[in-house]
């Protein structure tokens, strides 16, 4: 069983832009005017983050940092959030580098040490793992989920919606479900 403490801080780097271009979003929304371009780009970014939160996967490869209060005993693997790990940049405990760690898998990825994990004596979050994680290529169904969520936000510009709940999120969830990372039991 992988180590997944409740007390952890996971910080992925911010997205520079959404995964769907402004042109593609405007086509999907059937918008031809340019006066709402900044707003539509913001919706695309918000929709991308929504898909990442729901699937528990980063849709683009970028740096992420996982801070832990301690390390597991022995050679128990540590669960790395975010999806497929491209590389592990550094692992430190109490400011000392831990070398020889290997990341495997993607749902979730696991960090396996070459030897037993060291004892941690620092306070707060003395363990820091920095790694590159995310999808190299975004599947078409997740791209479409981003478009659907952005369109739903565009159509319902207020936080309250009169009438029945939008079916766009139900459809988007159907598209995202095969990609979701479920927590290990």
C-alpha atoms as a PDB file:
ATOM      1  CA  UNK A   1       0.000   0.000   0.000  1.00  0.00           C
ATOM      2  CA  UNK A   2       1.318   3.470  -0.885  1.00  0.00           C
ATOM      3  CA  UNK A   3       1.940   6.218   1.643  1.00  0.00           C
ATOM      4  CA  UNK A   4      -0.633   9.019   1.246  1.00  0.00           C
ATOM      5  CA  UNK A   5      -0.768  11.140   4.388  1.00  0.00           C
ATOM      6  CA  UNK A   6      -3.686  13.461   5.050  1.00  0.00           C
ATOM      7  CA  UNK A   7      -1.252  16.177   6.089  1.00  0.00           C
ATOM      8  CA  UNK A   8       0.452  17.087   2.851  1.00  0.00           C
ATOM      9  CA  UNK A   9       0.724  20.157   0.685  1.00  0.00           C
ATOM     10  CA  UNK A  10       0.692  19.656  -3.073  1.00  0.00           C
ATOM     11  CA  UNK A  11       1.484  22.678  -5.224  1.00  0.00           C
ATOM     12  CA  UNK A  12       1.528  22.355  -9.012  1.00  0.00           C
ATOM     13  CA  UNK A  13       2.960  25.226 -11.059  1.00  0.00           C
ATOM     14  CA  UNK A  14       0.333  27.521 -12.556  1.00  0.00           C
ATOM     15  CA  UNK A  15      -0.870  27.067 -16.104  1.00  0.00           C
ATOM     16  CA  UNK A  16       0.303  29.682 -18.570  1.00  0.00           C
ATOM     17  CA  UNK A  17      -2.825  29.214 -20.698  1.00  0.00           C
ATOM     18  CA  UNK A  18      -5.718  26.824 -21.101  1.00  0.00           C
ATOM     19  CA  UNK A  19      -5.333  23.720 -23.243  1.00  0.00           C
ATOM     20  CA  UNK A  20      -7.860  24.946 -25.818  1.00  0.00           C
ATOM     21  CA  UNK A  21      -6.921  27.869 -28.069  1.00  0.00           C
ATOM     22  CA  UNK A  22      -9.016  31.034 -28.134  1.00  0.00           C
ATOM     23  CA  UNK A  23      -9.915  30.330 -31.755  1.00  0.00           C
ATOM     24  CA  UNK A  24     -11.175  26.811 -30.935  1.00  0.00           C
ATOM     25  CA  UNK A  25     -13.165  28.090 -27.953  1.00  0.00           C
ATOM     26  CA  UNK A  26     -14.776  30.835 -30.026  1.00  0.00           C
ATOM     27  CA  UNK A  27     -15.682  28.276 -32.714  1.00  0.00           C
ATOM     28  CA  UNK A  28     -17.209  26.005 -30.071  1.00  0.00           C
ATOM     29  CA  UNK A  29     -19.153  28.936 -28.569  1.00  0.00           C
ATOM     30  CA  UNK A  30     -20.146  30.225 -32.025  1.00  0.00           C
ATOM     31  CA  UNK A  31     -18.693  33.650 -31.177  1.00  0.00           C
ATOM     32  CA  UNK A  32     -17.324  35.778 -34.021  1.00  0.00           C
ATOM     33  CA  UNK A  33     -16.779  39.137 -32.307  1.00  0.00           C
ATOM     34  CA  UNK A  34     -13.477  39.950 -30.605  1.00  0.00           C
ATOM     35  CA  UNK A  35     -14.812  42.072 -27.730  1.00  0.00           C
ATOM     36  CA  UNK A  36     -15.025  39.119 -25.313  1.00  0.00           C
ATOM     37  CA  UNK A  37     -11.681  37.474 -26.144  1.00  0.00           C
ATOM     38  CA  UNK A  38     -10.108  38.038 -22.709  1.00  0.00           C
ATOM     39  CA  UNK A  39     -13.247  36.756 -20.981  1.00  0.00           C
ATOM     40  CA  UNK A  40     -13.366  33.640 -23.180  1.00  0.00           C
ATOM     41  CA  UNK A  41      -9.658  32.937 -22.566  1.00  0.00           C
ATOM     42  CA  UNK A  42     -10.339  33.175 -18.827  1.00  0.00           C
ATOM     43  CA  UNK A  43     -13.191  30.681 -19.171  1.00  0.00           C
ATOM     44  CA  UNK A  44     -10.874  28.315 -21.038  1.00  0.00           C
ATOM     45  CA  UNK A  45      -8.303  28.521 -18.250  1.00  0.00           C
ATOM     46  CA  UNK A  46     -10.954  28.068 -15.541  1.00  0.00           C
ATOM     47  CA  UNK A  47     -12.408  25.076 -17.390  1.00  0.00           C
ATOM     48  CA  UNK A  48      -8.928  23.538 -17.735  1.00  0.00           C
ATOM     49  CA  UNK A  49      -8.390  23.859 -13.975  1.00  0.00           C
ATOM     50  CA  UNK A  50     -11.844  22.343 -13.360  1.00  0.00           C
ATOM     51  CA  UNK A  51     -10.965  19.283 -15.456  1.00  0.00           C
ATOM     52  CA  UNK A  52      -7.632  18.955 -13.627  1.00  0.00           C
ATOM     53  CA  UNK A  53      -9.344  19.095 -10.220  1.00  0.00           C
ATOM     54  CA  UNK A  54     -11.991  16.547 -11.196  1.00  0.00           C
ATOM     55  CA  UNK A  55      -9.605  14.074 -12.830  1.00  0.00           C
ATOM     56  CA  UNK A  56      -6.789  14.669 -10.314  1.00  0.00           C
ATOM     57  CA  UNK A  57      -4.416  14.896 -13.304  1.00  0.00           C
ATOM     58  CA  UNK A  58      -2.433  17.817 -14.676  1.00  0.00           C
ATOM     59  CA  UNK A  59      -3.295  18.292 -18.338  1.00  0.00           C
ATOM     60  CA  UNK A  60       0.122  19.741 -19.220  1.00  0.00           C
ATOM     61  CA  UNK A  61       3.565  18.685 -18.024  1.00  0.00           C
ATOM     62  CA  UNK A  62       4.799  21.113 -15.397  1.00  0.00           C
ATOM     63  CA  UNK A  63       6.597  21.242 -12.077  1.00  0.00           C
ATOM     64  CA  UNK A  64       4.852  20.209  -8.884  1.00  0.00           C
ATOM     65  CA  UNK A  65       6.005  20.209  -5.266  1.00  0.00           C
ATOM     66  CA  UNK A  66       4.799  17.801  -2.597  1.00  0.00           C
ATOM     67  CA  UNK A  67       5.558  18.729   1.031  1.00  0.00           C
ATOM     68  CA  UNK A  68       5.156  16.094   3.737  1.00  0.00           C
ATOM     69  CA  UNK A  69       5.433  16.125   7.531  1.00  0.00           C
ATOM     70  CA  UNK A  70       7.315  12.817   7.571  1.00  0.00           C
ATOM     71  CA  UNK A  71       8.382   9.819   5.494  1.00  0.00           C
ATOM     72  CA  UNK A  72       7.010   6.289   5.702  1.00  0.00           C
ATOM     73  CA  UNK A  73       9.050   3.493   7.218  1.00  0.00           C
ATOM     74  CA  UNK A  74      11.172   1.113   5.207  1.00  0.00           C
ATOM     75  CA  UNK A  75      10.800   1.271   1.453  1.00  0.00           C
ATOM     76  CA  UNK A  76       7.079   2.027   1.377  1.00  0.00           C
ATOM     77  CA  UNK A  77       6.293   3.988  -1.814  1.00  0.00           C
ATOM     78  CA  UNK A  78       4.948   7.534  -1.616  1.00  0.00           C
ATOM     79  CA  UNK A  79       1.919   8.457  -3.735  1.00  0.00           C
ATOM     80  CA  UNK A  80       2.702  11.389  -6.063  1.00  0.00           C
ATOM     81  CA  UNK A  81      -0.396  13.345  -7.133  1.00  0.00           C
ATOM     82  CA  UNK A  82      -0.949  14.730 -10.612  1.00  0.00           C
ATOM     83  CA  UNK A  83      -0.792  11.816 -13.055  1.00  0.00           C
ATOM     84  CA  UNK A  84       2.136  10.584 -15.093  1.00  0.00           C
ATOM     85  CA  UNK A  85       5.486  11.646 -13.626  1.00  0.00           C
ATOM     86  CA  UNK A  86       7.997  12.675 -16.303  1.00  0.00           C
ATOM     87  CA  UNK A  87      10.915  13.041 -13.874  1.00  0.00           C
ATOM     88  CA  UNK A  88      11.797  13.563 -10.228  1.00  0.00           C
ATOM     89  CA  UNK A  89      13.845  16.735  -9.807  1.00  0.00           C
ATOM     90  CA  UNK A  90      14.692  16.432  -6.107  1.00  0.00           C
ATOM     91  CA  UNK A  91      13.749  14.738  -2.856  1.00  0.00           C
ATOM     92  CA  UNK A  92      14.909  16.303   0.413  1.00  0.00           C
ATOM     93  CA  UNK A  93      14.248  15.581   4.079  1.00  0.00           C
ATOM     94  CA  UNK A  94      15.455  17.979   6.746  1.00  0.00           C
ATOM     95  CA  UNK A  95      17.374  19.807   4.002  1.00  0.00           C
ATOM     96  CA  UNK A  96      19.366  16.698   3.014  1.00  0.00           C
ATOM     97  CA  UNK A  97      19.045  15.276  -0.508  1.00  0.00           C
ATOM     98  CA  UNK A  98      17.741  11.728  -0.896  1.00  0.00           C
ATOM     99  CA  UNK A  99      19.044  10.135  -4.090  1.00  0.00           C
ATOM    100  CA  UNK A 100      18.134   7.042  -6.058  1.00  0.00           C
ATOM    101  CA  UNK A 101      14.348   7.443  -5.969  1.00  0.00           C
ATOM    102  CA  UNK A 102      12.289   6.144  -8.883  1.00  0.00           C
ATOM    103  CA  UNK A 103       8.771   7.174  -9.932  1.00  0.00           C
ATOM    104  CA  UNK A 104       6.562   4.526 -11.536  1.00  0.00           C
ATOM    105  CA  UNK A 105       2.939   4.352 -12.655  1.00  0.00           C
ATOM    106  CA  UNK A 106       0.420   7.099 -13.239  1.00  0.00           C
ATOM    107  CA  UNK A 107      -2.831   6.360 -11.455  1.00  0.00           C
ATOM    108  CA  UNK A 108      -1.413   7.409  -8.994  1.00  0.00           C
ATOM    109  CA  UNK A 109       2.330   7.549  -9.565  1.00  0.00           C
ATOM    110  CA  UNK A 110       4.495   6.074  -6.818  1.00  0.00           C
ATOM    111  CA  UNK A 111       7.902   7.246  -5.602  1.00  0.00           C
ATOM    112  CA  UNK A 112      10.069   4.304  -4.578  1.00  0.00           C
ATOM    113  CA  UNK A 113      13.330   4.794  -2.672  1.00  0.00           C
ATOM    114  CA  UNK A 114      16.534   2.889  -3.484  1.00  0.00           C
ATOM    115  CA  UNK A 115      17.005   2.199   0.264  1.00  0.00           C
ATOM    116  CA  UNK A 116      14.915   2.661   3.410  1.00  0.00           C
ATOM    117  CA  UNK A 117      13.560   6.174   3.910  1.00  0.00           C
ATOM    118  CA  UNK A 118      15.538   8.157   6.505  1.00  0.00           C
ATOM    119  CA  UNK A 119      14.023   9.279   9.802  1.00  0.00           C
ATOM    120  CA  UNK A 120      12.720  12.852   9.703  1.00  0.00           C
ATOM    121  CA  UNK A 121      13.295  15.113  12.686  1.00  0.00           C
ATOM    122  CA  UNK A 122      12.292  18.550  11.357  1.00  0.00           C
ATOM    123  CA  UNK A 123       9.091  20.342  12.248  1.00  0.00           C
ATOM    124  CA  UNK A 124       6.335  21.487   9.912  1.00  0.00           C
ATOM    125  CA  UNK A 125       6.802  20.062   6.435  1.00  0.00           C
ATOM    126  CA  UNK A 126      10.497  19.083   6.300  1.00  0.00           C
ATOM    127  CA  UNK A 127      10.079  16.696   3.347  1.00  0.00           C
ATOM    128  CA  UNK A 128      10.037  18.263  -0.130  1.00  0.00           C
ATOM    129  CA  UNK A 129       9.591  16.340  -3.377  1.00  0.00           C
ATOM    130  CA  UNK A 130       9.851  18.306  -6.628  1.00  0.00           C
ATOM    131  CA  UNK A 131       8.887  16.592  -9.866  1.00  0.00           C
ATOM    132  CA  UNK A 132       7.604  17.110 -13.407  1.00  0.00           C
ATOM    133  CA  UNK A 133       4.121  15.693 -13.872  1.00  0.00           C
ATOM    134  CA  UNK A 134       1.250  15.847 -16.345  1.00  0.00           C
ATOM    135  CA  UNK A 135       0.019  14.693 -19.707  1.00  0.00           C
ATOM    136  CA  UNK A 136       2.312  15.027 -22.698  1.00  0.00           C
ATOM    137  CA  UNK A 137      -0.726  14.832 -24.994  1.00  0.00           C
ATOM    138  CA  UNK A 138      -4.255  15.655 -23.864  1.00  0.00           C
ATOM    139  CA  UNK A 139      -6.849  13.101 -25.024  1.00  0.00           C
ATOM    140  CA  UNK A 140      -9.640  14.409 -27.267  1.00  0.00           C
ATOM    141  CA  UNK A 141     -12.365  13.615 -24.718  1.00  0.00           C
ATOM    142  CA  UNK A 142     -10.699  15.833 -22.091  1.00  0.00           C
ATOM    143  CA  UNK A 143     -10.246  18.652 -24.622  1.00  0.00           C
ATOM    144  CA  UNK A 144     -13.959  18.412 -25.383  1.00  0.00           C
ATOM    145  CA  UNK A 145     -14.791  18.380 -21.651  1.00  0.00           C
ATOM    146  CA  UNK A 146     -12.879  21.671 -21.287  1.00  0.00           C
ATOM    147  CA  UNK A 147     -14.880  23.135 -24.190  1.00  0.00           C
ATOM    148  CA  UNK A 148     -18.183  21.951 -22.686  1.00  0.00           C
ATOM    149  CA  UNK A 149     -17.414  23.390 -19.248  1.00  0.00           C
ATOM    150  CA  UNK A 150     -16.258  26.703 -20.756  1.00  0.00           C
ATOM    151  CA  UNK A 151     -19.462  26.856 -22.847  1.00  0.00           C
ATOM    152  CA  UNK A 152     -21.570  26.129 -19.777  1.00  0.00           C
ATOM    153  CA  UNK A 153     -19.838  28.956 -17.885  1.00  0.00           C
ATOM    154  CA  UNK A 154     -20.273  31.271 -20.890  1.00  0.00           C
ATOM    155  CA  UNK A 155     -24.015  30.523 -21.103  1.00  0.00           C
ATOM    156  CA  UNK A 156     -24.586  30.857 -17.339  1.00  0.00           C
ATOM    157  CA  UNK A 157     -22.621  33.978 -16.416  1.00  0.00           C
ATOM    158  CA  UNK A 158     -24.023  34.280 -12.924  1.00  0.00           C
ATOM    159  CA  UNK A 159     -23.520  31.990  -9.950  1.00  0.00           C
ATOM    160  CA  UNK A 160     -27.233  31.177  -9.824  1.00  0.00           C
ATOM    161  CA  UNK A 161     -29.120  29.489 -12.616  1.00  0.00           C
ATOM    162  CA  UNK A 162     -32.887  29.536 -12.899  1.00  0.00           C
ATOM    163  CA  UNK A 163     -34.518  26.333 -14.002  1.00  0.00           C
ATOM    164  CA  UNK A 164     -33.050  22.850 -14.365  1.00  0.00           C
ATOM    165  CA  UNK A 165     -29.351  22.188 -13.779  1.00  0.00           C
ATOM    166  CA  UNK A 166     -27.197  22.173 -16.890  1.00  0.00           C
ATOM    167  CA  UNK A 167     -26.560  18.802 -18.492  1.00  0.00           C
ATOM    168  CA  UNK A 168     -23.144  20.017 -19.685  1.00  0.00           C
ATOM    169  CA  UNK A 169     -21.419  19.022 -16.427  1.00  0.00           C
ATOM    170  CA  UNK A 170     -23.013  15.573 -16.482  1.00  0.00           C
ATOM    171  CA  UNK A 171     -21.756  15.073 -20.039  1.00  0.00           C
ATOM    172  CA  UNK A 172     -18.327  16.490 -19.166  1.00  0.00           C
ATOM    173  CA  UNK A 173     -18.074  14.147 -16.168  1.00  0.00           C
ATOM    174  CA  UNK A 174     -18.876  11.230 -18.468  1.00  0.00           C
ATOM    175  CA  UNK A 175     -15.975  12.284 -20.715  1.00  0.00           C
ATOM    176  CA  UNK A 176     -13.599  12.809 -17.767  1.00  0.00           C
ATOM    177  CA  UNK A 177     -14.463   9.659 -15.766  1.00  0.00           C
ATOM    178  CA  UNK A 178     -12.092   7.242 -17.557  1.00  0.00           C
ATOM    179  CA  UNK A 179      -9.169   9.581 -16.762  1.00  0.00           C
ATOM    180  CA  UNK A 180      -9.910  10.198 -13.070  1.00  0.00           C
ATOM    181  CA  UNK A 181      -7.357   9.069 -10.501  1.00  0.00           C
ATOM    182  CA  UNK A 182      -9.096   7.521  -7.540  1.00  0.00           C
ATOM    183  CA  UNK A 183      -7.343   7.486  -4.179  1.00  0.00           C
ATOM    184  CA  UNK A 184      -5.739   4.184  -3.251  1.00  0.00           C
ATOM    185  CA  UNK A 185      -7.660   2.267  -0.604  1.00  0.00           C
END
